[in-house]
Amino acid sequence: MKYIYIVLGFGIIMSAGCYSFKGIAIPPNIKTYNVENFENTAPSAPGDINQRFSEALRAKIRNESRLIYSELNPDLEFSGSISSFTLRPEAPQAGNTVALNRLDIVVSVTFTNTTDEKKSWKESFTFFRTFPSDQDFLSIQDALIAEIFKQLTENIFNKAFTGW
């Protein structure tokens, strides 16, 4: 009998349509989202970094929520810019050398909730990766950017969808 109540309770929760095991809760009236193409305002960043980031954020939301992408009157909208792309030395060693380099990326995001303006926000998100200084940056740049984008999109997704 206890098993039936557990299954029934689980079914009711899942049928509500606004809960998931990831801890996100999207109100049932929210159905669509849009991710505008982010701007690239970081002078040293690759020219297509903003397009790659915009697509990474679109894919994150598409794959991990029930929301439908729509450019026409979306319920939720993400916009912003890649505001910083910085490569710097880290972990200095003797003899004016460094053991590691660090790539930092900062993304400024404006989140607009058209159904409830009080839930809109603007915030900068930053993440970094270090790599051995003997590695050629250009040969690993795309992989580093992908790793950083994975964490940045996760942080943005969590900020947008776990604070309901």
Protein backbone atom coordinates (compact mmCIF):
# COMPACT_ATOMS: atom_id res chain seq x y z
CA MET A 1 0.00 0.00 0.00
CA LYS A 2 2.85 2.38 0.84
CA TYR A 3 4.33 1.69 -2.61
CA ILE A 4 1.08 2.80 -4.30
CA TYR A 5 1.12 6.11 -2.42
CA ILE A 6 4.72 6.74 -3.40
CA VAL A 7 4.02 6.02 -7.08
CA LEU A 8 0.84 8.10 -6.99
CA GLY A 9 2.65 11.01 -5.32
CA PHE A 10 5.46 10.84 -7.84
CA GLY A 11 2.96 10.82 -10.71
CA ILE A 12 1.16 13.88 -9.38
CA ILE A 13 4.39 15.83 -9.00
CA MET A 14 5.62 14.91 -12.47
CA SER A 15 2.26 15.69 -14.10
CA ALA A 16 2.39 19.23 -12.78
CA GLY A 17 4.93 19.93 -15.51
CA CYS A 18 7.00 22.46 -13.65
CA TYR A 19 9.35 20.22 -11.63
CA SER A 20 12.38 18.24 -12.59
CA PHE A 21 15.17 16.32 -10.88
CA LYS A 22 17.66 19.10 -11.70
CA GLY A 23 16.07 21.37 -9.14
CA ILE A 24 14.63 23.74 -11.71
CA ALA A 25 11.07 24.89 -11.41
CA ILE A 26 9.58 26.81 -14.31
CA PRO A 27 6.04 28.10 -13.83
CA PRO A 28 3.55 26.51 -16.24
CA ASN A 29 2.71 29.88 -17.84
CA ILE A 30 6.33 30.25 -19.05
CA LYS A 31 6.54 28.52 -22.41
CA THR A 32 9.07 30.29 -24.65
CA TYR A 33 12.56 31.76 -24.51
CA ASN A 34 14.91 33.68 -26.75
CA VAL A 35 18.67 34.09 -26.62
CA GLU A 36 19.71 37.14 -28.60
CA ASN A 37 23.09 37.05 -30.25
CA PHE A 38 25.48 38.25 -27.58
CA GLU A 39 27.88 41.05 -28.49
CA ASN A 40 31.64 40.67 -28.40
CA THR A 41 33.04 43.69 -26.56
CA ALA A 42 36.28 41.97 -25.53
CA PRO A 43 39.00 43.21 -27.90
CA SER A 44 41.28 40.18 -27.56
CA ALA A 45 38.56 37.54 -27.97
CA PRO A 46 38.16 35.45 -31.14
CA GLY A 47 35.78 37.08 -33.61
CA ASP A 48 33.13 34.36 -33.42
CA ILE A 49 33.14 33.87 -29.65
CA ASN A 50 29.84 35.70 -29.20
CA GLN A 51 28.09 33.45 -31.74
CA ARG A 52 29.50 30.33 -30.11
CA PHE A 53 28.39 31.48 -26.68
CA SER A 54 24.90 32.41 -27.85
CA GLU A 55 24.46 28.97 -29.42
CA ALA A 56 25.84 27.23 -26.31
CA LEU A 57 23.28 29.02 -24.11
CA ARG A 58 20.44 28.24 -26.56
CA ALA A 59 21.44 24.57 -26.56
CA LYS A 60 21.65 24.44 -22.76
CA ILE A 61 18.12 25.79 -22.34
CA ARG A 62 16.72 23.70 -25.21
CA ASN A 63 18.24 20.47 -23.87
CA GLU A 64 17.54 20.95 -20.16
CA SER A 65 14.12 22.59 -20.04
CA ARG A 66 10.73 22.18 -21.63
CA LEU A 67 10.84 25.71 -23.08
CA ILE A 68 10.44 26.36 -26.80
CA TYR A 69 12.77 28.74 -28.64
CA SER A 70 10.91 31.71 -30.10
CA GLU A 71 12.14 35.06 -31.34
CA LEU A 72 8.58 36.42 -31.41
CA ASN A 73 7.35 37.68 -28.02
CA PRO A 74 9.25 35.21 -25.81
CA ASP A 75 8.34 34.81 -22.16
CA LEU A 76 12.02 34.85 -21.18
CA GLU A 77 14.84 36.65 -22.95
CA PHE A 78 18.61 36.48 -22.54
CA SER A 79 20.91 39.14 -23.98
CA GLY A 80 24.31 40.59 -23.21
CA SER A 81 27.94 40.53 -24.20
CA ILE A 82 31.25 38.79 -23.86
CA SER A 83 32.77 41.61 -21.85
CA SER A 84 36.22 40.20 -21.08
CA PHE A 85 38.58 37.61 -22.54
CA THR A 86 41.86 37.70 -20.65
CA LEU A 87 44.93 35.51 -20.89
CA ARG A 88 47.41 36.01 -18.08
CA PRO A 89 50.31 34.23 -16.41
CA GLU A 90 49.75 32.42 -13.16
CA ALA A 91 51.97 30.41 -10.80
CA PRO A 92 55.30 32.22 -11.25
CA GLN A 93 58.49 30.20 -11.01
CA ALA A 94 62.13 31.08 -10.53
CA GLY A 95 63.88 32.56 -13.52
CA ASN A 96 61.06 34.85 -14.73
CA THR A 97 58.93 31.97 -16.00
CA VAL A 98 55.46 30.76 -15.13
CA ALA A 99 54.15 27.25 -14.71
CA LEU A 100 50.57 28.03 -15.68
CA ASN A 101 48.58 30.46 -17.77
CA ARG A 102 44.99 31.37 -17.07
CA LEU A 103 42.16 32.19 -19.46
CA ASP A 104 39.31 34.21 -17.93
CA ILE A 105 36.02 34.91 -19.71
CA VAL A 106 33.39 37.29 -18.37
CA VAL A 107 29.87 37.32 -19.79
CA SER A 108 27.45 40.11 -18.92
CA VAL A 109 23.86 38.84 -19.06
CA THR A 110 20.52 40.61 -19.02
CA PHE A 111 17.65 38.25 -18.21
CA THR A 112 14.18 39.60 -18.93
CA ASN A 113 11.07 37.84 -17.69
CA THR A 114 8.24 39.42 -19.68
CA THR A 115 5.58 37.80 -17.47
CA ASP A 116 7.03 39.07 -14.18
CA GLU A 117 9.48 41.98 -14.37
CA LYS A 118 10.46 41.48 -10.70
CA LYS A 119 12.22 38.28 -11.71
CA SER A 120 14.37 40.01 -14.34
CA TRP A 121 18.05 40.61 -13.55
CA LYS A 122 21.38 41.76 -14.91
CA GLU A 123 24.60 40.08 -13.79
CA SER A 124 28.15 39.31 -14.89
CA PHE A 125 29.34 35.71 -14.82
CA THR A 126 33.00 34.75 -14.90
CA PHE A 127 34.89 31.51 -15.15
CA PHE A 128 38.46 30.50 -15.94
CA ARG A 129 40.69 27.61 -16.88
CA THR A 130 44.40 27.23 -16.27
CA PHE A 131 46.76 25.37 -18.54
CA PRO A 132 50.49 24.59 -18.58
CA SER A 133 52.53 27.46 -19.96
CA ASP A 134 54.44 25.13 -22.27
CA GLN A 135 51.25 24.44 -24.26
CA ASP A 136 50.55 26.54 -27.33
CA PHE A 137 47.46 28.61 -26.50
CA LEU A 138 46.13 28.70 -30.05
CA SER A 139 46.17 24.91 -30.26
CA ILE A 140 44.02 24.52 -27.11
CA GLN A 141 42.03 27.76 -27.24
CA ASP A 142 38.81 26.21 -28.62
CA ALA A 143 38.81 23.42 -26.03
CA LEU A 144 39.41 25.90 -23.19
CA ILE A 145 36.61 28.15 -24.42
CA ALA A 146 34.24 25.17 -24.65
CA GLU A 147 35.06 24.13 -21.06
CA ILE A 148 34.53 27.66 -19.78
CA PHE A 149 31.27 28.04 -21.74
CA LYS A 150 29.99 24.80 -20.25
CA GLN A 151 30.35 26.21 -16.72
CA LEU A 152 29.15 29.70 -17.62
CA THR A 153 25.97 28.39 -19.27
CA GLU A 154 25.36 26.13 -16.26
CA ASN A 155 25.69 29.11 -13.89
CA ILE A 156 23.40 31.29 -16.03
CA PHE A 157 20.85 28.49 -16.37
CA ASN A 158 20.85 27.93 -12.60
CA LYS A 159 20.45 31.64 -11.87
CA ALA A 160 17.54 31.90 -14.30
CA PHE A 161 15.68 28.71 -13.43
CA THR A 162 16.33 27.76 -9.81
CA GLY A 163 15.29 31.00 -8.16
CA TRP A 164 11.58 30.76 -8.95
